[in-house]
Amino acid sequence: MSSTYNEYKFLKEWKTIEKALKELVKNKDIQVTTQPDYVIGYILKKLKSVKTNNHPLYEILEELDKTKIYYKLERTRENSVMVCATIVGARIEIEIFNDGKFESSIFKGDESVISGQEFVKKIINDNRD
């Protein structure tokens, strides 16, 4: 195998492409006149050069990272990811669905600190089912 593509040899996709290539040759759908490892390596190189982070979720995460806004990811629904971002005076929930649709909520407050356990107990008791 050409050393040009050694870095791709251990990727999980290598075996998948290798198997598909063998099936295509066996079924006489294609003829491979070049060394198969070279073909597989070339395909993987091209695939890896394509930007794969084009879903809106990745775009939002990249923007939050650039602006150094703290966030965490949560999964509360099967078909979405929630990004919970914290900025001064607000907490933002951005739910991003598989299809790229967004739903957002912002929760504002004065960020005052309330000491003691009683306040926490009151919140819990006020929100019991």
Protein backbone atom coordinates (compact mmCIF):
# COMPACT_ATOMS: atom_id res chain seq x y z
CA MET A 1 0.00 0.00 0.00
CA SER A 2 1.16 3.52 -0.72
CA SER A 3 2.35 5.30 2.42
CA THR A 4 0.26 8.26 1.22
CA TYR A 5 -2.87 6.72 2.78
CA ASN A 6 -1.44 4.91 5.82
CA GLU A 7 -3.15 7.38 8.18
CA TYR A 8 -6.57 6.15 6.97
CA LYS A 9 -5.84 2.41 7.22
CA PHE A 10 -7.03 2.20 10.83
CA LEU A 11 -10.25 4.18 10.45
CA LYS A 12 -13.44 2.19 10.92
CA GLU A 13 -14.65 3.42 7.54
CA TRP A 14 -11.74 1.63 5.84
CA LYS A 15 -13.28 -1.82 6.40
CA THR A 16 -16.69 -0.63 5.20
CA ILE A 17 -15.31 0.79 1.97
CA GLU A 18 -13.06 -2.23 1.48
CA LYS A 19 -16.05 -4.59 1.83
CA ALA A 20 -18.19 -2.50 -0.54
CA LEU A 21 -15.38 -2.38 -3.11
CA LYS A 22 -14.94 -6.17 -2.97
CA GLU A 23 -18.70 -6.67 -3.43
CA LEU A 24 -18.78 -4.35 -6.44
CA VAL A 25 -15.85 -6.19 -8.03
CA LYS A 26 -17.33 -9.61 -7.22
CA ASN A 27 -20.69 -8.61 -8.73
CA LYS A 28 -18.84 -7.27 -11.78
CA ASP A 29 -20.35 -3.83 -11.24
CA ILE A 30 -16.89 -2.27 -11.49
CA GLN A 31 -13.35 -3.23 -12.46
CA VAL A 32 -10.52 -2.00 -10.27
CA THR A 33 -7.24 -1.67 -12.12
CA THR A 34 -5.52 0.27 -9.35
CA GLN A 35 -4.35 -1.28 -6.10
CA PRO A 36 -7.49 -1.47 -3.86
CA ASP A 37 -5.69 0.08 -0.87
CA TYR A 38 -4.94 3.14 -2.98
CA VAL A 39 -8.59 3.42 -4.08
CA ILE A 40 -9.86 3.06 -0.50
CA GLY A 41 -7.31 5.56 0.82
CA TYR A 42 -8.18 8.09 -1.85
CA ILE A 43 -11.92 7.78 -1.11
CA LEU A 44 -11.31 8.24 2.62
CA LYS A 45 -9.08 11.27 2.01
CA LYS A 46 -11.84 12.88 -0.04
CA LEU A 47 -14.51 12.05 2.54
CA LYS A 48 -12.41 13.48 5.38
CA SER A 49 -11.88 16.72 3.45
CA VAL A 50 -15.62 17.38 3.30
CA LYS A 51 -16.93 19.56 6.12
CA THR A 52 -19.16 17.25 8.16
CA ASN A 53 -20.21 19.74 10.83
CA ASN A 54 -22.84 21.48 8.74
CA HIS A 55 -25.83 20.74 11.01
CA PRO A 56 -27.15 23.86 12.80
CA LEU A 57 -26.24 22.28 16.15
CA TYR A 58 -22.54 22.42 15.26
CA GLU A 59 -22.87 25.95 13.92
CA ILE A 60 -24.37 27.15 17.23
CA LEU A 61 -21.72 25.33 19.28
CA GLU A 62 -18.96 26.90 17.19
CA GLU A 63 -20.46 30.38 17.72
CA LEU A 64 -20.77 29.83 21.47
CA ASP A 65 -17.16 28.62 21.60
CA LYS A 66 -15.95 31.66 19.64
CA THR A 67 -17.74 34.06 21.98
CA LYS A 68 -16.64 32.07 25.05
CA ILE A 69 -20.21 31.63 26.28
CA TYR A 70 -20.49 28.76 28.77
CA TYR A 71 -22.93 26.02 27.76
CA LYS A 72 -23.84 22.44 28.43
CA LEU A 73 -25.68 19.90 26.32
CA GLU A 74 -28.74 17.97 27.45
CA ARG A 75 -30.89 15.37 25.81
CA THR A 76 -34.51 15.56 26.97
CA ARG A 77 -36.23 14.45 23.77
CA GLU A 78 -35.43 11.61 21.40
CA ASN A 79 -35.11 13.82 18.33
CA SER A 80 -33.26 16.85 19.69
CA VAL A 81 -30.34 18.19 21.68
CA MET A 82 -30.75 21.06 24.12
CA VAL A 83 -28.00 23.63 24.45
CA CYS A 84 -28.21 25.41 27.81
CA ALA A 85 -26.16 28.61 27.68
CA THR A 86 -25.43 30.93 30.57
CA ILE A 87 -24.84 34.66 30.16
CA VAL A 88 -24.91 37.47 32.70
CA GLY A 89 -28.51 37.90 33.82
CA ALA A 90 -29.98 35.04 31.81
CA ARG A 91 -30.04 31.36 31.04
CA ILE A 92 -30.92 30.36 27.49
CA GLU A 93 -32.28 27.00 26.37
CA ILE A 94 -31.89 26.26 22.67
CA GLU A 95 -33.44 23.02 21.53
CA ILE A 96 -32.15 21.91 18.13
CA PHE A 97 -34.00 19.11 16.37
CA ASN A 98 -32.72 16.49 13.91
CA ASP A 99 -34.24 18.43 11.02
CA GLY A 100 -32.43 21.65 12.07
CA LYS A 101 -35.51 23.34 13.57
CA PHE A 102 -34.91 25.53 16.64
CA GLU A 103 -36.97 26.23 19.75
CA SER A 104 -35.53 28.70 22.27
CA SER A 105 -36.41 30.07 25.70
CA ILE A 106 -34.69 32.69 27.81
CA PHE A 107 -34.94 32.89 31.59
CA LYS A 108 -33.96 36.26 33.04
CA GLY A 109 -33.26 37.22 36.60
CA ASP A 110 -31.28 39.59 38.76
CA GLU A 111 -28.84 36.88 39.88
CA SER A 112 -29.23 37.77 43.53
CA VAL A 113 -28.07 35.08 45.91
CA ILE A 114 -30.49 33.72 48.50
CA SER A 115 -28.79 31.87 51.32
CA GLY A 116 -30.19 29.01 53.30
CA GLN A 117 -32.01 25.78 52.73
CA GLU A 118 -35.51 27.14 53.37
CA PHE A 119 -35.71 28.90 50.02
CA VAL A 120 -34.79 25.70 48.17
CA LYS A 121 -37.36 23.71 50.17
CA LYS A 122 -40.03 26.32 49.35
CA ILE A 123 -39.31 26.04 45.60
CA ILE A 124 -39.53 22.24 45.79
CA ASN A 125 -42.76 22.29 47.81
CA ASP A 126 -44.35 24.92 45.54
CA ASN A 127 -43.70 22.68 42.54
CA ARG A 128 -44.85 19.31 43.80
CA ASP A 129 -47.37 17.41 41.68
